[in-house]
Protein backbone atom coordinates (compact mmCIF):
# COMPACT_ATOMS: atom_id res chain seq x y z
CA MET A 1 9.98 3.81 38.73
CA ASP A 2 12.78 1.71 37.29
CA THR A 3 12.70 1.02 33.56
CA PRO A 4 12.32 -2.57 32.30
CA ILE A 5 15.86 -2.44 30.88
CA ARG A 6 18.67 -0.67 32.72
CA LYS A 7 19.56 2.60 31.07
CA ASP A 8 23.30 1.94 31.30
CA ILE A 9 22.89 -1.19 29.15
CA VAL A 10 21.14 0.69 26.35
CA ASP A 11 23.37 3.77 26.55
CA GLY A 12 26.51 1.64 26.58
CA LEU A 13 25.45 -0.26 23.46
CA ILE A 14 24.54 2.94 21.58
CA ALA A 15 27.97 4.36 22.44
CA GLN A 16 29.67 1.07 21.52
CA LEU A 17 28.10 1.14 18.06
CA GLY A 18 29.20 4.75 17.57
CA ILE A 19 25.67 6.15 17.14
CA GLN A 20 26.05 9.84 17.92
CA ASP A 21 22.45 10.93 17.30
CA PHE A 22 19.79 8.30 17.89
CA ALA A 23 17.29 10.36 15.87
CA LYS A 24 19.36 9.51 12.80
CA ALA A 25 19.97 5.85 13.64
CA THR A 26 19.16 3.60 10.69
CA ILE A 27 16.70 0.71 10.84
CA ARG A 28 19.59 -1.75 10.98
CA GLU A 29 21.28 0.16 13.80
CA VAL A 30 18.11 0.31 15.88
CA LYS A 31 17.58 -3.40 15.24
CA GLN A 32 21.15 -4.17 16.34
CA VAL A 33 20.86 -2.17 19.57
CA ALA A 34 17.56 -3.94 20.37
CA ALA A 35 19.01 -7.40 19.72
CA MET A 36 22.09 -6.74 21.82
CA ALA A 37 20.11 -5.13 24.67
CA GLU A 38 17.70 -8.04 24.66
CA GLN A 39 20.57 -10.48 25.00
CA ALA A 40 22.34 -8.43 27.70
CA SER A 41 19.22 -7.86 29.80
CA GLY A 42 17.24 -11.04 29.21
CA VAL A 43 14.16 -8.85 28.58
CA GLU A 44 12.20 -9.44 25.38
CA TYR A 45 11.98 -6.46 23.03
CA ILE A 46 8.78 -5.47 21.26
CA LYS A 47 10.34 -4.93 17.85
CA MET A 48 8.62 -2.31 15.70
CA GLU A 49 11.52 -1.00 13.64
CA MET A 50 11.69 -3.43 10.70
CA GLY A 51 9.20 -3.33 7.83
CA ILE A 52 9.44 -7.04 7.06
CA PRO A 53 6.34 -9.16 6.34
CA GLY A 54 5.41 -11.25 9.37
CA LEU A 55 3.08 -13.66 7.56
CA PRO A 56 3.65 -16.88 5.59
CA ALA A 57 4.22 -16.51 1.85
CA ALA A 58 1.13 -16.94 -0.31
CA ARG A 59 0.71 -20.69 -0.85
CA VAL A 60 -0.62 -20.27 -4.39
CA GLY A 61 2.68 -18.62 -5.34
CA VAL A 62 4.88 -21.15 -3.56
CA GLU A 63 3.16 -24.07 -5.27
CA ALA A 64 3.48 -22.46 -8.71
CA GLN A 65 7.15 -21.72 -8.13
CA VAL A 66 7.86 -25.28 -6.98
CA ARG A 67 6.15 -26.65 -10.09
CA ALA A 68 8.25 -24.36 -12.27
CA LEU A 69 11.47 -25.44 -10.56
CA GLN A 70 10.57 -29.10 -10.82
CA GLY A 71 9.88 -28.53 -14.50
CA GLY A 72 13.47 -27.38 -15.01
CA ILE A 73 12.96 -23.63 -15.33
CA ALA A 74 16.00 -22.86 -13.17
CA SER A 75 18.32 -23.83 -16.03
CA GLN A 76 16.85 -21.25 -18.40
CA TYR A 77 17.58 -17.54 -18.58
CA PRO A 78 14.39 -15.47 -18.35
CA ASP A 79 13.43 -13.16 -21.20
CA ILE A 80 14.56 -9.64 -20.31
CA GLN A 81 11.01 -8.44 -21.05
CA GLY A 82 9.63 -11.03 -18.63
CA TYR A 83 7.73 -14.31 -18.63
CA PRO A 84 4.85 -13.71 -21.09
CA GLU A 85 2.19 -15.16 -18.78
CA LEU A 86 3.33 -12.89 -15.94
CA LYS A 87 3.09 -9.87 -18.24
CA ARG A 88 -0.42 -10.90 -19.26
CA GLN A 89 -1.55 -11.55 -15.69
CA ALA A 90 0.03 -8.32 -14.43
CA SER A 91 -2.00 -6.41 -17.03
CA ARG A 92 -5.17 -8.22 -15.89
CA PHE A 93 -4.35 -7.57 -12.22
CA VAL A 94 -3.97 -3.82 -12.82
CA LYS A 95 -7.29 -3.80 -14.68
CA ALA A 96 -8.96 -5.86 -11.94
CA PHE A 97 -7.75 -3.89 -8.92
CA VAL A 98 -6.69 -0.44 -10.20
CA GLY A 99 -9.30 -0.20 -12.94
CA VAL A 100 -6.96 1.06 -15.67
CA ASP A 101 -5.61 -0.48 -18.87
CA VAL A 102 -1.90 -1.17 -19.22
CA SER A 103 -0.75 -3.42 -22.05
CA PRO A 104 1.14 -6.61 -21.12
CA GLU A 105 4.08 -5.16 -23.06
CA GLY A 106 4.47 -2.41 -20.45
CA CYS A 107 4.35 -4.76 -17.43
CA VAL A 108 7.99 -5.60 -16.77
CA PRO A 109 9.17 -7.97 -13.99
CA VAL A 110 11.83 -6.65 -11.62
CA SER A 111 13.78 -8.08 -8.70
CA GLY A 112 11.48 -6.39 -6.20
CA SER A 113 10.40 -2.77 -6.29
CA MET A 114 13.86 -1.79 -5.07
CA GLN A 115 15.31 -2.76 -8.43
CA GLY A 116 12.26 -1.25 -10.08
CA THR A 117 12.90 2.17 -8.57
CA PHE A 118 16.65 1.99 -9.30
CA ALA A 119 16.03 1.30 -13.00
CA SER A 120 13.22 3.85 -13.11
CA PHE A 121 15.46 6.55 -11.64
CA LEU A 122 18.12 5.78 -14.23
CA THR A 123 15.64 5.99 -17.10
CA CYS A 124 13.80 9.11 -15.93
CA SER A 125 16.95 11.05 -15.06
CA GLN A 126 18.47 10.41 -18.50
CA ALA A 127 15.33 11.14 -20.54
CA ASP A 128 15.83 14.91 -20.76
CA HIS A 129 19.11 16.60 -19.80
CA ARG A 130 17.21 19.70 -18.72
CA LYS A 131 15.34 17.68 -16.09
CA ASP A 132 17.96 16.47 -13.64
CA THR A 133 16.09 16.28 -10.32
CA VAL A 134 13.75 13.76 -8.66
CA LEU A 135 11.09 15.09 -6.28
CA PHE A 136 9.95 13.04 -3.27
CA ILE A 137 6.59 13.61 -1.63
CA ASP A 138 7.77 12.66 1.85
CA PRO A 139 7.82 10.96 4.26
CA GLY A 140 9.12 7.99 2.35
CA PHE A 141 11.41 5.01 2.06
CA PRO A 142 14.96 6.23 2.87
CA VAL A 143 16.71 3.72 0.61
CA GLN A 144 15.22 5.32 -2.51
CA LYS A 145 17.18 8.47 -1.74
CA MET A 146 20.28 6.35 -1.22
CA GLN A 147 19.74 4.91 -4.71
CA LEU A 148 19.91 8.42 -6.16
CA GLN A 149 22.98 9.15 -4.07
CA VAL A 150 24.62 6.07 -5.60
CA GLN A 151 23.62 7.25 -9.09
CA GLY A 152 24.71 10.84 -8.50
CA VAL A 153 21.25 12.19 -9.30
CA ARG A 154 19.89 15.30 -7.58
CA TYR A 155 16.71 15.10 -5.53
CA GLN A 156 14.47 17.41 -3.54
CA THR A 157 11.84 16.61 -0.93
CA PHE A 158 8.99 18.10 1.04
CA ASP A 159 6.90 16.75 3.90
CA VAL A 160 3.27 16.32 2.79
CA TYR A 161 2.03 16.84 6.38
CA ASP A 162 1.20 20.53 5.84
CA TYR A 163 0.20 20.24 2.17
CA ARG A 164 -2.86 18.03 1.99
CA GLY A 165 -5.78 18.72 -0.34
CA GLN A 166 -5.60 21.80 -2.56
CA ARG A 167 -2.50 23.04 -0.74
CA LEU A 168 -0.61 20.26 -2.53
CA ARG A 169 -1.02 22.01 -5.90
CA SER A 170 0.92 25.16 -5.08
CA LYS A 171 3.61 23.21 -3.25
CA LEU A 172 4.20 20.91 -6.23
CA GLU A 173 4.20 23.84 -8.67
CA GLU A 174 6.90 25.49 -6.57
CA TYR A 175 9.23 22.64 -7.65
CA LEU A 176 7.81 21.77 -11.07
CA SER A 177 7.92 25.37 -12.32
CA THR A 178 11.75 25.25 -12.21
CA GLY A 179 11.66 22.89 -15.20
CA ARG A 180 14.16 20.54 -13.51
CA ILE A 181 11.90 17.81 -12.12
CA CYS A 182 12.05 14.60 -14.15
CA ALA A 183 10.09 12.36 -11.77
CA ILE A 184 7.88 12.52 -8.67
CA VAL A 185 7.96 9.67 -6.17
CA TYR A 186 5.57 8.69 -3.38
CA SER A 187 4.12 5.54 -1.81
CA ASN A 188 0.38 5.01 -1.44
CA PRO A 189 -0.46 3.80 1.22
CA ASN A 190 2.53 5.60 2.60
CA ASN A 191 5.59 4.17 4.29
CA PRO A 192 6.00 5.30 7.11
CA SER A 193 2.91 7.38 7.89
CA TRP A 194 0.20 5.17 6.30
CA VAL A 195 -1.53 8.27 4.94
CA CYS A 196 -3.32 7.56 1.67
CA LEU A 197 -3.50 10.28 -0.94
CA THR A 198 -7.10 11.19 -1.77
CA GLU A 199 -8.60 11.20 -5.25
CA GLU A 200 -8.44 15.00 -5.17
CA GLU A 201 -4.72 14.88 -4.40
CA LEU A 202 -4.01 12.21 -7.02
CA SER A 203 -5.91 14.29 -9.58
CA ILE A 204 -3.72 17.30 -8.74
CA ILE A 205 -0.54 15.23 -9.08
CA GLY A 206 -1.70 13.78 -12.40
CA GLN A 207 -2.71 17.13 -13.89
CA LEU A 208 0.61 18.74 -12.94
CA ALA A 209 2.60 15.73 -14.20
CA THR A 210 1.02 16.25 -17.62
CA GLN A 211 1.36 20.04 -17.53
CA TYR A 212 5.03 20.00 -16.53
CA ASP A 213 5.96 16.74 -18.28
CA ALA A 214 7.20 14.80 -15.25
CA VAL A 215 6.95 11.04 -14.73
CA ILE A 216 5.07 9.82 -11.66
CA MET A 217 6.66 6.82 -9.95
CA GLU A 218 3.81 5.50 -7.81
CA ASP A 219 5.12 2.98 -5.28
CA LEU A 220 2.30 0.54 -4.51
CA ALA A 221 4.31 -1.66 -2.14
CA TYR A 222 1.26 -1.91 0.15
CA PHE A 223 -1.17 -2.58 -2.66
CA ALA A 224 -4.88 -2.35 -1.69
CA MET A 225 -3.98 -2.34 2.02
CA ASP A 226 -6.18 0.63 2.93
CA PHE A 227 -8.58 -1.42 5.04
CA ARG A 228 -11.14 1.39 5.43
CA GLN A 229 -12.78 0.22 2.21
CA ASP A 230 -13.22 -3.09 0.44
CA LEU A 231 -10.69 -3.10 -2.41
CA SER A 232 -10.80 -6.88 -2.74
CA GLN A 233 -13.40 -7.39 -5.49
CA PRO A 234 -11.69 -7.87 -8.88
CA PHE A 235 -13.02 -5.79 -11.77
CA GLN A 236 -15.37 -3.90 -9.43
CA PRO A 237 -14.99 -0.50 -7.78
CA PRO A 238 -13.78 0.75 -5.42
CA TYR A 239 -10.30 0.32 -6.87
CA GLN A 240 -6.83 0.95 -5.47
CA PRO A 241 -6.46 4.75 -5.73
CA SER A 242 -3.91 5.68 -8.38
CA VAL A 243 -2.58 8.61 -10.36
CA ALA A 244 -2.97 6.39 -13.43
CA ARG A 245 -6.53 7.71 -13.79
CA TYR A 246 -5.29 11.29 -14.17
CA THR A 247 -2.19 11.20 -16.39
CA ASP A 248 -0.38 9.06 -18.95
CA ASN A 249 3.00 9.89 -17.38
CA TYR A 250 3.14 7.06 -14.84
CA MET A 251 5.03 4.01 -13.71
CA LEU A 252 3.27 1.78 -11.16
CA LEU A 253 5.57 -0.26 -8.93
CA ILE A 254 3.74 -3.35 -7.66
CA SER A 255 5.63 -5.56 -5.24
CA GLY A 256 5.09 -9.16 -4.23
CA SER A 257 6.71 -8.52 -0.85
CA LYS A 258 3.90 -7.16 1.35
CA ALA A 259 0.54 -7.91 -0.29
CA PHE A 260 1.62 -11.50 -1.02
CA SER A 261 4.25 -11.87 1.75
CA TYR A 262 6.71 -12.93 -0.96
CA ALA A 263 9.58 -10.70 0.11
CA GLY A 264 12.32 -13.32 0.05
CA GLU A 265 12.02 -14.05 -3.66
CA ARG A 266 12.55 -10.40 -4.68
CA ILE A 267 9.79 -10.16 -7.26
CA GLY A 268 7.59 -7.34 -8.50
CA VAL A 269 6.50 -5.59 -11.68
CA VAL A 270 6.81 -2.08 -13.03
CA CYS A 271 3.76 -1.20 -15.10
CA ILE A 272 4.49 1.62 -17.54
CA SER A 273 1.61 3.42 -19.25
CA ASP A 274 1.22 2.59 -22.92
CA LYS A 275 1.91 6.18 -23.97
CA LEU A 276 5.05 6.51 -21.82
CA PHE A 277 6.33 3.07 -22.83
CA HIS A 278 6.34 4.04 -26.53
CA ARG A 279 7.45 7.62 -26.07
CA HIS A 280 10.70 8.67 -27.76
CA TYR A 281 12.82 11.13 -25.81
CA PRO A 282 15.58 12.74 -27.92
CA ASP A 283 18.21 12.24 -25.22
CA LEU A 284 17.33 8.54 -24.75
CA SER A 285 17.19 7.99 -28.51
CA ALA A 286 20.63 9.51 -28.96
CA ARG A 287 22.14 7.44 -26.17
CA TYR A 288 20.33 4.14 -26.77
CA GLU A 289 20.05 3.65 -30.53
CA GLY A 290 16.64 5.25 -30.96
CA LEU A 291 14.82 3.09 -28.40
CA PRO A 292 11.64 4.34 -26.75
CA PHE A 293 11.33 4.88 -22.98
CA GLY A 294 9.97 1.42 -22.14
CA LEU A 295 12.61 -0.51 -24.05
CA VAL A 296 15.39 1.61 -22.57
CA PHE A 297 14.01 0.66 -19.15
CA SER A 298 14.00 -3.09 -19.90
CA THR A 299 16.63 -3.82 -22.53
CA ARG A 300 19.22 -1.36 -21.25
CA MET A 301 18.72 -0.56 -17.56
CA LEU A 302 17.40 -3.90 -16.30
CA TYR A 303 19.63 -5.89 -18.63
CA ALA A 304 22.70 -4.05 -17.36
CA LEU A 305 21.62 -4.47 -13.72
CA SER A 306 20.73 -8.15 -13.56
CA SER A 307 19.99 -9.62 -16.98
CA GLY A 308 16.45 -10.33 -15.86
CA THR A 309 14.52 -11.42 -12.80
CA SER A 310 14.35 -14.81 -11.05
CA HIS A 311 12.60 -17.07 -13.54
CA SER A 312 10.75 -19.28 -11.08
CA ALA A 313 9.59 -16.29 -9.00
CA GLN A 314 7.98 -14.90 -12.14
CA TYR A 315 5.86 -18.05 -12.34
CA ALA A 316 4.87 -17.55 -8.70
CA LEU A 317 3.79 -13.93 -9.21
CA ALA A 318 1.94 -14.80 -12.42
CA GLU A 319 -0.14 -17.37 -10.56
CA MET A 320 -0.80 -15.03 -7.61
CA PHE A 321 -1.99 -12.31 -9.99
CA ARG A 322 -4.15 -14.83 -11.92
CA ALA A 323 -5.76 -16.31 -8.82
CA ALA A 324 -6.44 -12.85 -7.36
CA SER A 325 -7.96 -11.55 -10.60
CA ASP A 326 -10.12 -14.67 -10.93
CA GLY A 327 -11.38 -14.23 -7.38
CA GLU A 328 -9.86 -17.53 -6.22
CA TYR A 329 -7.25 -15.95 -3.96
CA ARG A 330 -8.35 -13.12 -1.67
CA PHE A 331 -4.95 -11.73 -0.82
CA ARG A 332 -6.33 -8.86 1.28
CA ASP A 333 -7.95 -11.32 3.68
CA GLU A 334 -4.51 -12.66 4.56
CA VAL A 335 -2.95 -9.27 5.30
CA LYS A 336 -5.89 -7.70 7.17
CA VAL A 337 -4.21 -8.81 10.39
CA TYR A 338 -1.82 -5.85 10.06
CA GLY A 339 -4.74 -3.46 10.41
CA GLN A 340 -6.09 -5.37 13.39
CA ARG A 341 -2.70 -5.20 15.10
CA ALA A 342 -2.39 -1.47 14.40
CA LYS A 343 -5.77 -0.79 16.02
CA ARG A 344 -4.77 -2.61 19.23
CA LEU A 345 -1.33 -0.99 19.37
CA LYS A 346 -2.67 2.51 18.73
CA ASP A 347 -5.22 2.10 21.52
CA ILE A 348 -2.44 1.18 23.98
CA PHE A 349 -0.23 4.12 23.03
CA LEU A 350 -3.14 6.59 23.08
CA ARG A 351 -4.20 5.42 26.54
CA HIS A 352 -0.78 6.35 27.88
CA GLY A 353 -0.45 9.88 26.54
CA PHE A 354 0.94 9.33 23.03
CA HIS A 355 -0.66 10.82 19.91
CA ILE A 356 -0.82 9.77 16.25
CA VAL A 357 1.40 12.13 14.25
CA TYR A 358 0.04 11.61 10.72
CA ASP A 359 -3.56 11.18 11.76
CA ARG A 360 -5.87 12.12 8.87
CA ASP A 361 -6.52 11.77 5.14
CA GLY A 362 -8.72 14.73 4.35
CA GLU A 363 -11.70 14.36 6.67
CA GLN A 364 -11.02 10.71 7.50
CA PRO A 365 -8.85 9.30 10.28
CA VAL A 366 -5.82 7.56 8.82
CA ALA A 367 -6.31 3.84 8.20
CA ASP A 368 -5.01 1.06 10.43
CA GLY A 369 -2.35 -0.89 8.57
CA PHE A 370 1.24 -2.03 8.28
CA TYR A 371 2.64 1.20 9.78
CA PHE A 372 1.53 4.10 11.92
CA THR A 373 3.25 7.07 13.60
CA ILE A 374 3.40 8.09 17.25
CA GLY A 375 4.65 11.13 19.16
CA TYR A 376 4.85 12.09 22.83
CA PRO A 377 4.40 15.62 24.25
CA GLY A 378 7.66 17.43 24.89
CA MET A 379 9.89 14.82 23.25
CA THR A 380 11.80 15.04 19.99
CA SER A 381 12.02 12.05 17.68
CA GLY A 382 15.47 11.14 18.94
CA GLN A 383 14.55 11.50 22.59
CA LEU A 384 11.46 9.32 22.19
CA ALA A 385 13.24 6.60 20.20
CA HIS A 386 16.06 6.51 22.76
CA GLU A 387 13.74 6.56 25.78
CA LEU A 388 11.55 3.73 24.48
CA MET A 389 14.62 1.51 24.18
CA TYR A 390 14.74 1.52 28.01
CA TYR A 391 11.25 0.02 27.94
CA GLY A 392 12.10 -2.73 25.47
CA VAL A 393 10.38 -1.04 22.52
CA SER A 394 12.30 -0.37 19.29
CA ALA A 395 11.11 1.94 16.51
CA ILE A 396 12.72 4.34 14.03
CA SER A 397 12.65 8.12 14.04
CA LEU A 398 10.51 9.90 11.45
CA ILE A 399 13.51 12.14 10.68
CA THR A 400 15.11 9.25 8.77
CA THR A 401 12.10 9.12 6.42
CA GLY A 402 12.21 12.76 5.35
CA SER A 403 9.49 13.83 7.78
CA HIS A 404 9.74 17.17 9.57
CA GLN A 405 7.47 15.99 12.38
CA GLU A 406 8.63 14.80 15.79
CA GLY A 407 7.77 11.15 16.27
CA LEU A 408 8.42 7.53 15.39
CA ARG A 409 7.36 4.99 12.79
CA VAL A 410 5.79 1.87 14.26
CA CYS A 411 5.61 -1.33 12.20
CA THR A 412 3.05 -3.98 13.11
CA SER A 413 4.53 -6.93 11.26
CA PHE A 414 6.41 -8.68 14.08
CA ILE A 415 3.95 -8.17 16.94
CA GLU A 416 3.13 -11.39 18.81
CA ASP A 417 -0.16 -11.91 20.67
CA HIS A 418 1.49 -11.97 24.09
CA GLN A 419 3.18 -8.62 23.49
CA TYR A 420 0.04 -6.47 23.78
CA ALA A 421 -0.03 -7.09 27.53
CA GLN A 422 3.72 -6.40 27.71
CA LEU A 423 3.30 -3.12 25.86
CA GLU A 424 0.36 -2.07 28.06
CA GLU A 425 2.41 -2.69 31.20
CA ARG A 426 5.54 -0.97 29.91
CA MET A 427 3.74 2.10 28.57
CA ALA A 428 1.97 2.50 31.90
CA VAL A 429 5.42 2.71 33.54
CA PHE A 430 6.63 5.03 30.76
CA ALA A 431 3.69 7.39 31.39
CA GLN A 432 4.37 7.43 35.13
CA ASN A 433 8.08 8.11 34.62
CA ASN A 434 7.37 10.92 32.17
CA ALA A 435 4.39 12.53 33.92
């Protein structure tokens, strides 16, 4: 059967943009091909490549930010340590939803978690000259590796797919035993696979971080978005799983972008454990006038990068944290739709011969959420990504995320209600054409 979009249109655009291997096409490149093919063919694309929130920004934050702007805050530089009320509410929020204590002092506003990871990489990689390498538990967010490339910092990676449970211990020790790992990075829930590390796995990571003196950078961009359990009750278990219960060597990166749909204002916090915040590393002390880790992070790295974070956005995040911690604002209720979309999309793909690549957390099926992963028998990542473009479906290859598995990342954020029927129809044709 013919494909919904002529193959020569898609192939011509890929060649025009100079993409030699579609498996390695970036998110922006896939997005550009989809937009141009949509325009050339007149056929609507089902866009699954971009991890951008598809929901309105949290009203409680918008209203607080507007009040701050109307009060004249835009004319004032923010304190490099952050708006005091945001620091206080961030500390409460971590206690309410993670169940651990972090002092307000260690909760530092950043211009989104992207800036948070950049400054964290700088601080961790300079703390001890013997530890010059960052370790990624992949798959992960490709831009974080680009940040290290920009900084000239070494990194290593491994795909967690084959190292779940107790197998994670020996794999981590393989890298940590070299003495060169300064930091370990992962997201939880994970972008792109949506796997969630279990308490057993977090305990292993925490124990080894203490044993080998490495800092854990825990990216909580999709905070409390494991919809298999109710993580919405402040100050009551179950809490957002975190390595913070198993080591003092941690930095929690909490973003306003996904959980609060506040991506455009570039606001988040990095919450540094009390012990790590006040720790003096000889190399940092020599370079930065005797300052401890936490003050190097804020008064040197962040100050040099941006001289602070949007003042009015700090008021927005402070109010969102306060309202969530007080039980007035149930942020998870607003983002549950991502899980509902994932369930419907997975069912369609599975009906037509696809499989879920990262499919389990321990004994549990992986949660339905912002992302999931699909593969098709006999097709590599690049072949599948390229082939689906003929059917008006755009998604990125897992190869670009550090995964060693063949498949694609699917994002649920831009799916419209009418597109489920479109996807059902197109995947039925896909299955026939690839039988």
